[in-house]
Amino acid sequence: MPGVVFWAIASGALRLTLHFFNSYRKTYGSLGAVIILMVWFYVTGLSFLLGSQLNAAIEHAAAEHGHVEAKAPGDKAA
């Protein structure tokens, strides 16, 4: 869930940045769309990685506090 939240915030921030600073069309021409798409792919991947790290930290903290269904670091799903 945190990965989706990070992704939505990052995508919105990228959209606002492109809306207010839209000189990419003058600078890069028709390749601007490809560059923007690649930046969006990078932001998407980074937000999912950060979200998965946060999920793992939450689950490991829950395992340390004795939650029954949480996995400790190094444990595999049954």
Protein backbone atom coordinates (compact mmCIF):
# COMPACT_ATOMS: atom_id res chain seq x y z
CA MET A 1 0.00 0.00 0.00
CA PRO A 2 2.73 2.57 0.74
CA GLY A 3 4.19 1.95 -2.72
CA VAL A 4 0.94 2.98 -4.37
CA VAL A 5 0.76 6.09 -2.20
CA PHE A 6 4.36 7.01 -3.05
CA TRP A 7 3.63 6.38 -6.72
CA ALA A 8 0.53 8.59 -6.72
CA ILE A 9 2.34 11.43 -4.96
CA ALA A 10 5.40 11.15 -7.21
CA SER A 11 3.29 11.01 -10.38
CA GLY A 12 1.32 14.04 -9.26
CA ALA A 13 4.50 15.94 -8.44
CA LEU A 14 5.97 15.06 -11.85
CA ARG A 15 2.76 16.21 -13.53
CA LEU A 16 2.83 19.53 -11.69
CA THR A 17 6.49 20.01 -12.53
CA LEU A 18 5.83 19.39 -16.21
CA HIS A 19 2.80 21.69 -16.13
CA PHE A 20 4.63 24.67 -14.65
CA PHE A 21 8.06 24.14 -16.25
CA ASN A 22 7.10 23.02 -19.74
CA SER A 23 10.11 24.29 -21.66
CA TYR A 24 11.10 20.69 -22.47
CA ARG A 25 9.31 20.97 -25.81
CA LYS A 26 11.52 23.86 -26.90
CA THR A 27 14.67 22.15 -25.68
CA TYR A 28 14.18 18.54 -26.80
CA GLY A 29 11.59 18.81 -29.55
CA SER A 30 9.80 15.60 -30.39
CA LEU A 31 12.10 13.56 -28.14
CA GLY A 32 10.66 15.35 -25.10
CA ALA A 33 7.81 12.85 -24.83
CA VAL A 34 10.25 9.93 -24.75
CA ILE A 35 12.38 11.63 -22.11
CA ILE A 36 9.33 12.38 -19.97
CA LEU A 37 8.15 8.77 -20.28
CA MET A 38 11.56 7.48 -19.20
CA VAL A 39 11.60 9.85 -16.22
CA TRP A 40 8.11 8.66 -15.26
CA PHE A 41 9.28 5.02 -15.48
CA TYR A 42 12.19 5.90 -13.19
CA VAL A 43 9.91 7.66 -10.69
CA THR A 44 7.48 4.73 -10.78
CA GLY A 45 10.18 2.15 -10.11
CA LEU A 46 11.73 4.22 -7.35
CA SER A 47 8.40 4.74 -5.60
CA PHE A 48 7.59 1.00 -5.70
CA LEU A 49 11.04 0.16 -4.33
CA LEU A 50 10.63 2.66 -1.49
CA GLY A 51 7.16 1.31 -0.76
CA SER A 52 8.38 -2.28 -0.63
CA GLN A 53 11.19 -1.30 1.74
CA LEU A 54 8.66 0.42 3.99
CA ASN A 55 6.39 -2.64 3.90
CA ALA A 56 9.29 -4.88 4.90
CA ALA A 57 10.28 -2.57 7.77
CA ILE A 58 6.70 -2.50 9.06
CA GLU A 59 6.41 -6.29 8.89
CA HIS A 60 9.75 -6.84 10.64
CA ALA A 61 8.77 -4.40 13.39
CA ALA A 62 5.46 -6.23 13.82
CA ALA A 63 7.33 -9.55 14.12
CA GLU A 64 9.58 -8.09 16.80
CA HIS A 65 6.53 -6.97 18.75
CA GLY A 66 5.01 -10.46 18.64
CA HIS A 67 2.43 -10.21 15.87
CA VAL A 68 1.38 -13.76 14.97
CA GLU A 69 1.22 -13.42 11.17
CA ALA A 70 4.30 -11.22 10.68
CA LYS A 71 7.55 -12.71 9.39
CA ALA A 72 10.87 -11.99 11.04
CA PRO A 73 13.82 -10.97 8.85
CA GLY A 74 15.03 -14.02 6.94
CA ASP A 75 11.82 -16.05 7.35
CA LYS A 76 9.99 -17.31 4.28
CA ALA A 77 6.26 -17.49 3.75
CA ALA A 78 4.74 -20.84 4.63
